[in-house]
């Protein structure tokens, strides 16, 4: 029994060491990304919103891992049952949606002040979650956490949590429902048929854009 406090203390100590030695490049990149995104969206004046939103989407694109994001959004069952061609089509379809959603979220934070916390939320191997706090013009604050992993010289984003809610995971139930309903067959779920329907749905919601 006496060993438990020591083990717990050791575990906490190791966690603290891990957080303390997280690559500062992850923090620096998220800070730069957040500042640049806000600089872009702050130029929106009501007349040029579509143009500014497009600029925000284009700026953010290189920092996202859309393959990993899409796999997370559709869920394990759909992703594993998709052919390589279907996986790519899912990525292409979902890429436009998530770009648009992220840019829209940042547009809502126009004129906010951003604080990037120096202490990561968590560090697991090459994965680092970085917390930012946005101080809004109305005096309210919003916490946004960027889940990143190191890929070459960049830390690429694979999830974003706004006020604790992932902007990616909520799509799982919606996408699974489409595949289950559209792929329904006497033998269960025809994933090929269901995934093709999901791809068509994504492309339709994107207005045919990719």
C-alpha atoms as a PDB file:
ATOM      1  CA  UNK A   1       0.000   0.000   0.000  1.00  0.00           C
ATOM      2  CA  UNK A   2       2.814   2.384   0.778  1.00  0.00           C
ATOM      3  CA  UNK A   3       4.152   2.001  -2.744  1.00  0.00           C
ATOM      4  CA  UNK A   4       1.022   3.465  -4.359  1.00  0.00           C
ATOM      5  CA  UNK A   5       1.679   7.142  -3.482  1.00  0.00           C
ATOM      6  CA  UNK A   6       5.250   6.743  -4.717  1.00  0.00           C
ATOM      7  CA  UNK A   7       4.116   5.141  -7.989  1.00  0.00           C
ATOM      8  CA  UNK A   8       1.494   7.829  -8.488  1.00  0.00           C
ATOM      9  CA  UNK A   9       4.027  10.548  -7.773  1.00  0.00           C
ATOM     10  CA  UNK A  10       6.477   8.937 -10.179  1.00  0.00           C
ATOM     11  CA  UNK A  11       3.809   8.767 -12.879  1.00  0.00           C
ATOM     12  CA  UNK A  12       2.889  12.414 -12.385  1.00  0.00           C
ATOM     13  CA  UNK A  13       6.548  13.342 -12.415  1.00  0.00           C
ATOM     14  CA  UNK A  14       7.176  11.494 -15.679  1.00  0.00           C
ATOM     15  CA  UNK A  15       4.113  13.174 -17.231  1.00  0.00           C
ATOM     16  CA  UNK A  16       5.375  16.573 -16.131  1.00  0.00           C
ATOM     17  CA  UNK A  17       8.789  15.849 -17.625  1.00  0.00           C
ATOM     18  CA  UNK A  18       7.159  14.771 -20.893  1.00  0.00           C
ATOM     19  CA  UNK A  19       5.114  17.971 -21.099  1.00  0.00           C
ATOM     20  CA  UNK A  20       8.076  20.125 -20.162  1.00  0.00           C
ATOM     21  CA  UNK A  21      10.207  18.652 -22.947  1.00  0.00           C
ATOM     22  CA  UNK A  22       7.567  18.811 -25.672  1.00  0.00           C
ATOM     23  CA  UNK A  23       8.981  20.215 -28.882  1.00  0.00           C
ATOM     24  CA  UNK A  24       8.528  23.999 -28.604  1.00  0.00           C
ATOM     25  CA  UNK A  25       8.149  24.029 -32.396  1.00  0.00           C
ATOM     26  CA  UNK A  26       4.595  22.728 -31.982  1.00  0.00           C
ATOM     27  CA  UNK A  27       3.703  25.666 -29.717  1.00  0.00           C
ATOM     28  CA  UNK A  28       5.450  28.138 -32.014  1.00  0.00           C
ATOM     29  CA  UNK A  29       3.703  26.826 -35.112  1.00  0.00           C
ATOM     30  CA  UNK A  30       0.232  26.903 -33.566  1.00  0.00           C
ATOM     31  CA  UNK A  31       0.896  30.448 -32.373  1.00  0.00           C
ATOM     32  CA  UNK A  32       1.995  31.547 -35.845  1.00  0.00           C
ATOM     33  CA  UNK A  33      -0.954  29.782 -37.485  1.00  0.00           C
ATOM     34  CA  UNK A  34      -3.472  31.330 -35.101  1.00  0.00           C
ATOM     35  CA  UNK A  35      -2.038  34.828 -35.519  1.00  0.00           C
ATOM     36  CA  UNK A  36      -1.959  34.555 -39.308  1.00  0.00           C
ATOM     37  CA  UNK A  37      -5.507  33.171 -39.472  1.00  0.00           C
ATOM     38  CA  UNK A  38      -6.825  35.993 -37.322  1.00  0.00           C
ATOM     39  CA  UNK A  39      -4.918  38.527 -39.424  1.00  0.00           C
ATOM     40  CA  UNK A  40      -6.708  37.140 -42.477  1.00  0.00           C
ATOM     41  CA  UNK A  41     -10.239  36.955 -41.048  1.00  0.00           C
ATOM     42  CA  UNK A  42      -9.929  40.408 -39.479  1.00  0.00           C
ATOM     43  CA  UNK A  43      -9.866  41.815 -43.022  1.00  0.00           C
ATOM     44  CA  UNK A  44     -13.454  40.675 -43.605  1.00  0.00           C
ATOM     45  CA  UNK A  45     -15.784  43.655 -43.919  1.00  0.00           C
ATOM     46  CA  UNK A  46     -19.078  42.082 -44.937  1.00  0.00           C
ATOM     47  CA  UNK A  47     -18.522  42.715 -48.636  1.00  0.00           C
ATOM     48  CA  UNK A  48     -15.437  40.545 -49.085  1.00  0.00           C
ATOM     49  CA  UNK A  49     -16.310  37.725 -46.664  1.00  0.00           C
ATOM     50  CA  UNK A  50     -16.301  34.999 -49.331  1.00  0.00           C
ATOM     51  CA  UNK A  51     -12.867  36.062 -50.580  1.00  0.00           C
ATOM     52  CA  UNK A  52     -11.434  36.302 -47.052  1.00  0.00           C
ATOM     53  CA  UNK A  53     -12.886  32.935 -46.116  1.00  0.00           C
ATOM     54  CA  UNK A  54     -11.217  31.394 -49.182  1.00  0.00           C
ATOM     55  CA  UNK A  55      -7.879  32.965 -48.162  1.00  0.00           C
ATOM     56  CA  UNK A  56      -8.274  31.501 -44.669  1.00  0.00           C
ATOM     57  CA  UNK A  57      -9.005  28.050 -46.093  1.00  0.00           C
ATOM     58  CA  UNK A  58      -5.991  28.198 -48.422  1.00  0.00           C
ATOM     59  CA  UNK A  59      -3.668  29.320 -45.626  1.00  0.00           C
ATOM     60  CA  UNK A  60      -4.758  26.518 -43.292  1.00  0.00           C
ATOM     61  CA  UNK A  61      -4.675  23.682 -45.857  1.00  0.00           C
ATOM     62  CA  UNK A  62      -0.927  22.771 -45.699  1.00  0.00           C
ATOM     63  CA  UNK A  63      -1.133  22.372 -41.922  1.00  0.00           C
ATOM     64  CA  UNK A  64      -3.937  19.783 -41.950  1.00  0.00           C
ATOM     65  CA  UNK A  65      -3.668  16.021 -42.438  1.00  0.00           C
ATOM     66  CA  UNK A  66      -6.879  15.486 -44.392  1.00  0.00           C
ATOM     67  CA  UNK A  67      -6.354  11.734 -44.741  1.00  0.00           C
ATOM     68  CA  UNK A  68      -6.166  11.260 -40.977  1.00  0.00           C
ATOM     69  CA  UNK A  69      -9.007  13.724 -40.394  1.00  0.00           C
ATOM     70  CA  UNK A  70     -11.242  11.918 -42.897  1.00  0.00           C
ATOM     71  CA  UNK A  71     -10.451   8.478 -41.452  1.00  0.00           C
ATOM     72  CA  UNK A  72     -11.397   9.793 -38.009  1.00  0.00           C
ATOM     73  CA  UNK A  73     -14.575  11.449 -39.307  1.00  0.00           C
ATOM     74  CA  UNK A  74     -15.949   8.395 -41.128  1.00  0.00           C
ATOM     75  CA  UNK A  75     -14.931   5.917 -38.440  1.00  0.00           C
ATOM     76  CA  UNK A  76     -12.965   2.673 -38.513  1.00  0.00           C
ATOM     77  CA  UNK A  77     -15.632   0.452 -40.103  1.00  0.00           C
ATOM     78  CA  UNK A  78     -16.215   2.700 -43.113  1.00  0.00           C
ATOM     79  CA  UNK A  79     -12.549   3.526 -43.637  1.00  0.00           C
ATOM     80  CA  UNK A  80     -11.370  -0.098 -43.522  1.00  0.00           C
ATOM     81  CA  UNK A  81     -14.123  -1.243 -45.896  1.00  0.00           C
ATOM     82  CA  UNK A  82     -13.446   1.510 -48.431  1.00  0.00           C
ATOM     83  CA  UNK A  83     -11.311   0.740 -51.464  1.00  0.00           C
ATOM     84  CA  UNK A  84      -8.225   2.944 -51.992  1.00  0.00           C
ATOM     85  CA  UNK A  85     -10.187   4.812 -54.685  1.00  0.00           C
ATOM     86  CA  UNK A  86     -13.110   5.346 -52.316  1.00  0.00           C
ATOM     87  CA  UNK A  87     -10.779   6.490 -49.542  1.00  0.00           C
ATOM     88  CA  UNK A  88      -9.318   9.135 -51.824  1.00  0.00           C
ATOM     89  CA  UNK A  89     -12.788  10.215 -52.925  1.00  0.00           C
ATOM     90  CA  UNK A  90     -13.827  10.507 -49.268  1.00  0.00           C
ATOM     91  CA  UNK A  91     -10.745  12.617 -48.543  1.00  0.00           C
ATOM     92  CA  UNK A  92     -11.466  14.891 -51.511  1.00  0.00           C
ATOM     93  CA  UNK A  93     -15.097  15.295 -50.494  1.00  0.00           C
ATOM     94  CA  UNK A  94     -14.488  15.855 -46.791  1.00  0.00           C
ATOM     95  CA  UNK A  95     -11.507  18.146 -47.337  1.00  0.00           C
ATOM     96  CA  UNK A  96     -13.695  20.929 -48.666  1.00  0.00           C
ATOM     97  CA  UNK A  97     -16.174  20.513 -45.797  1.00  0.00           C
ATOM     98  CA  UNK A  98     -13.598  20.635 -42.995  1.00  0.00           C
ATOM     99  CA  UNK A  99     -11.693  23.524 -44.602  1.00  0.00           C
ATOM    100  CA  UNK A 100     -14.914  25.474 -44.801  1.00  0.00           C
ATOM    101  CA  UNK A 101     -15.951  24.604 -41.242  1.00  0.00           C
ATOM    102  CA  UNK A 102     -12.590  25.621 -39.776  1.00  0.00           C
ATOM    103  CA  UNK A 103     -12.510  28.886 -41.722  1.00  0.00           C
ATOM    104  CA  UNK A 104     -16.074  29.572 -40.625  1.00  0.00           C
ATOM    105  CA  UNK A 105     -15.144  28.949 -36.999  1.00  0.00           C
ATOM    106  CA  UNK A 106     -12.237  31.375 -37.269  1.00  0.00           C
ATOM    107  CA  UNK A 107     -14.439  33.949 -39.015  1.00  0.00           C
ATOM    108  CA  UNK A 108     -16.652  33.835 -35.919  1.00  0.00           C
ATOM    109  CA  UNK A 109     -13.595  34.788 -33.851  1.00  0.00           C
ATOM    110  CA  UNK A 110     -12.902  37.930 -35.880  1.00  0.00           C
ATOM    111  CA  UNK A 111     -11.094  40.659 -33.873  1.00  0.00           C
ATOM    112  CA  UNK A 112     -10.292  38.191 -31.073  1.00  0.00           C
ATOM    113  CA  UNK A 113      -7.020  38.236 -29.167  1.00  0.00           C
ATOM    114  CA  UNK A 114      -5.212  34.915 -29.105  1.00  0.00           C
ATOM    115  CA  UNK A 115      -3.168  33.400 -26.273  1.00  0.00           C
ATOM    116  CA  UNK A 116      -1.250  30.188 -26.973  1.00  0.00           C
ATOM    117  CA  UNK A 117      -0.507  28.300 -23.759  1.00  0.00           C
ATOM    118  CA  UNK A 118       3.129  27.342 -23.330  1.00  0.00           C
ATOM    119  CA  UNK A 119       2.251  24.087 -21.559  1.00  0.00           C
ATOM    120  CA  UNK A 120       0.781  21.470 -23.937  1.00  0.00           C
ATOM    121  CA  UNK A 121      -2.486  19.768 -22.991  1.00  0.00           C
ATOM    122  CA  UNK A 122      -0.858  16.406 -23.688  1.00  0.00           C
ATOM    123  CA  UNK A 123       2.195  14.868 -25.331  1.00  0.00           C
ATOM    124  CA  UNK A 124       2.219  11.293 -26.669  1.00  0.00           C
ATOM    125  CA  UNK A 125       5.257  10.460 -28.756  1.00  0.00           C
ATOM    126  CA  UNK A 126       5.199  12.860 -31.703  1.00  0.00           C
ATOM    127  CA  UNK A 127       1.641  13.977 -30.931  1.00  0.00           C
ATOM    128  CA  UNK A 128       1.136  17.287 -29.154  1.00  0.00           C
ATOM    129  CA  UNK A 129      -2.131  18.962 -28.188  1.00  0.00           C
ATOM    130  CA  UNK A 130      -1.753  22.721 -27.974  1.00  0.00           C
ATOM    131  CA  UNK A 131      -4.293  24.912 -26.202  1.00  0.00           C
ATOM    132  CA  UNK A 132      -5.192  28.420 -27.308  1.00  0.00           C
ATOM    133  CA  UNK A 133      -7.541  30.868 -25.638  1.00  0.00           C
ATOM    134  CA  UNK A 134      -9.339  33.420 -27.764  1.00  0.00           C
ATOM    135  CA  UNK A 135     -10.517  36.575 -26.023  1.00  0.00           C
ATOM    136  CA  UNK A 136     -13.540  37.777 -27.978  1.00  0.00           C
ATOM    137  CA  UNK A 137     -14.495  41.400 -28.523  1.00  0.00           C
ATOM    138  CA  UNK A 138     -17.612  40.923 -26.349  1.00  0.00           C
ATOM    139  CA  UNK A 139     -15.438  40.023 -23.359  1.00  0.00           C
ATOM    140  CA  UNK A 140     -16.044  36.275 -23.535  1.00  0.00           C
ATOM    141  CA  UNK A 141     -13.285  33.702 -23.930  1.00  0.00           C
ATOM    142  CA  UNK A 142     -13.142  30.484 -25.935  1.00  0.00           C
ATOM    143  CA  UNK A 143     -10.632  27.663 -25.630  1.00  0.00           C
ATOM    144  CA  UNK A 144      -9.541  25.931 -28.827  1.00  0.00           C
ATOM    145  CA  UNK A 145      -7.214  22.912 -28.677  1.00  0.00           C
ATOM    146  CA  UNK A 146      -5.250  21.816 -31.743  1.00  0.00           C
ATOM    147  CA  UNK A 147      -4.320  18.123 -31.857  1.00  0.00           C
ATOM    148  CA  UNK A 148      -1.118  17.901 -33.914  1.00  0.00           C
ATOM    149  CA  UNK A 149       1.601  15.425 -34.803  1.00  0.00           C
ATOM    150  CA  UNK A 150       5.049  15.945 -36.253  1.00  0.00           C
ATOM    151  CA  UNK A 151       5.315  15.320 -39.987  1.00  0.00           C
ATOM    152  CA  UNK A 152       8.658  16.352 -41.422  1.00  0.00           C
ATOM    153  CA  UNK A 153       9.250  19.966 -40.409  1.00  0.00           C
ATOM    154  CA  UNK A 154       5.584  20.654 -39.701  1.00  0.00           C
ATOM    155  CA  UNK A 155       3.167  19.793 -36.939  1.00  0.00           C
ATOM    156  CA  UNK A 156       0.048  18.806 -38.838  1.00  0.00           C
ATOM    157  CA  UNK A 157      -3.428  19.182 -37.351  1.00  0.00           C
ATOM    158  CA  UNK A 158      -5.686  16.116 -37.220  1.00  0.00           C
ATOM    159  CA  UNK A 159      -8.394  17.427 -34.888  1.00  0.00           C
ATOM    160  CA  UNK A 160      -9.599  20.691 -33.394  1.00  0.00           C
ATOM    161  CA  UNK A 161     -11.593  20.954 -30.186  1.00  0.00           C
ATOM    162  CA  UNK A 162     -13.558  24.153 -29.674  1.00  0.00           C
ATOM    163  CA  UNK A 163     -14.694  24.464 -26.059  1.00  0.00           C
ATOM    164  CA  UNK A 164     -13.917  20.772 -25.597  1.00  0.00           C
ATOM    165  CA  UNK A 165     -15.934  19.590 -28.603  1.00  0.00           C
ATOM    166  CA  UNK A 166     -14.185  18.022 -31.593  1.00  0.00           C
ATOM    167  CA  UNK A 167     -15.176  19.493 -34.949  1.00  0.00           C
ATOM    168  CA  UNK A 168     -14.329  16.151 -36.604  1.00  0.00           C
ATOM    169  CA  UNK A 169     -15.788  13.309 -34.508  1.00  0.00           C
ATOM    170  CA  UNK A 170     -19.459  14.439 -34.596  1.00  0.00           C
ATOM    171  CA  UNK A 171     -19.561  13.494 -38.272  1.00  0.00           C
ATOM    172  CA  UNK A 172     -19.100   9.769 -37.454  1.00  0.00           C
ATOM    173  CA  UNK A 173     -22.725   9.017 -36.580  1.00  0.00           C
ATOM    174  CA  UNK A 174     -24.027  11.025 -39.533  1.00  0.00           C
ATOM    175  CA  UNK A 175     -21.731   9.279 -42.018  1.00  0.00           C
ATOM    176  CA  UNK A 176     -22.366   5.825 -40.559  1.00  0.00           C
ATOM    177  CA  UNK A 177     -26.112   6.414 -40.857  1.00  0.00           C
ATOM    178  CA  UNK A 178     -25.765   7.282 -44.541  1.00  0.00           C
ATOM    179  CA  UNK A 179     -23.669   4.199 -45.261  1.00  0.00           C
ATOM    180  CA  UNK A 180     -25.965   1.900 -43.268  1.00  0.00           C
ATOM    181  CA  UNK A 181     -29.138   3.205 -44.909  1.00  0.00           C
ATOM    182  CA  UNK A 182     -27.863   3.540 -48.466  1.00  0.00           C
ATOM    183  CA  UNK A 183     -25.858   0.316 -48.309  1.00  0.00           C
ATOM    184  CA  UNK A 184     -28.619  -1.756 -46.753  1.00  0.00           C
ATOM    185  CA  UNK A 185     -28.827  -5.255 -48.212  1.00  0.00           C
ATOM    186  CA  UNK A 186     -30.290  -8.661 -47.265  1.00  0.00           C
ATOM    187  CA  UNK A 187     -26.835  -9.728 -46.127  1.00  0.00           C
ATOM    188  CA  UNK A 188     -26.190  -6.644 -43.986  1.00  0.00           C
ATOM    189  CA  UNK A 189     -24.341  -3.522 -45.089  1.00  0.00           C
ATOM    190  CA  UNK A 190     -23.040  -3.322 -48.631  1.00  0.00           C
ATOM    191  CA  UNK A 191     -20.157  -0.994 -47.838  1.00  0.00           C
ATOM    192  CA  UNK A 192     -19.221  -0.347 -51.461  1.00  0.00           C
ATOM    193  CA  UNK A 193     -22.713   0.882 -52.255  1.00  0.00           C
ATOM    194  CA  UNK A 194     -23.058   2.776 -48.981  1.00  0.00           C
ATOM    195  CA  UNK A 195     -19.676   4.492 -49.297  1.00  0.00           C
ATOM    196  CA  UNK A 196     -20.422   5.515 -52.877  1.00  0.00           C
ATOM    197  CA  UNK A 197     -23.616   7.125 -51.565  1.00  0.00           C
ATOM    198  CA  UNK A 198     -21.649   8.928 -48.852  1.00  0.00           C
ATOM    199  CA  UNK A 199     -19.167  10.222 -51.436  1.00  0.00           C
ATOM    200  CA  UNK A 200     -22.052  11.520 -53.557  1.00  0.00           C
ATOM    201  CA  UNK A 201     -23.566  13.143 -50.455  1.00  0.00           C
ATOM    202  CA  UNK A 202     -20.278  14.875 -49.599  1.00  0.00           C
ATOM    203  CA  UNK A 203     -19.823  16.141 -53.137  1.00  0.00           C
ATOM    204  CA  UNK A 204     -23.433  17.343 -53.209  1.00  0.00           C
ATOM    205  CA  UNK A 205     -23.086  19.249 -49.933  1.00  0.00           C
ATOM    206  CA  UNK A 206     -19.929  20.840 -51.324  1.00  0.00           C
ATOM    207  CA  UNK A 207     -21.796  22.098 -54.356  1.00  0.00           C
ATOM    208  CA  UNK A 208     -19.607  19.893 -56.515  1.00  0.00           C
ATOM    209  CA  UNK A 209     -16.470  21.695 -55.312  1.00  0.00           C
ATOM    210  CA  UNK A 210     -13.257  20.022 -54.186  1.00  0.00           C
END
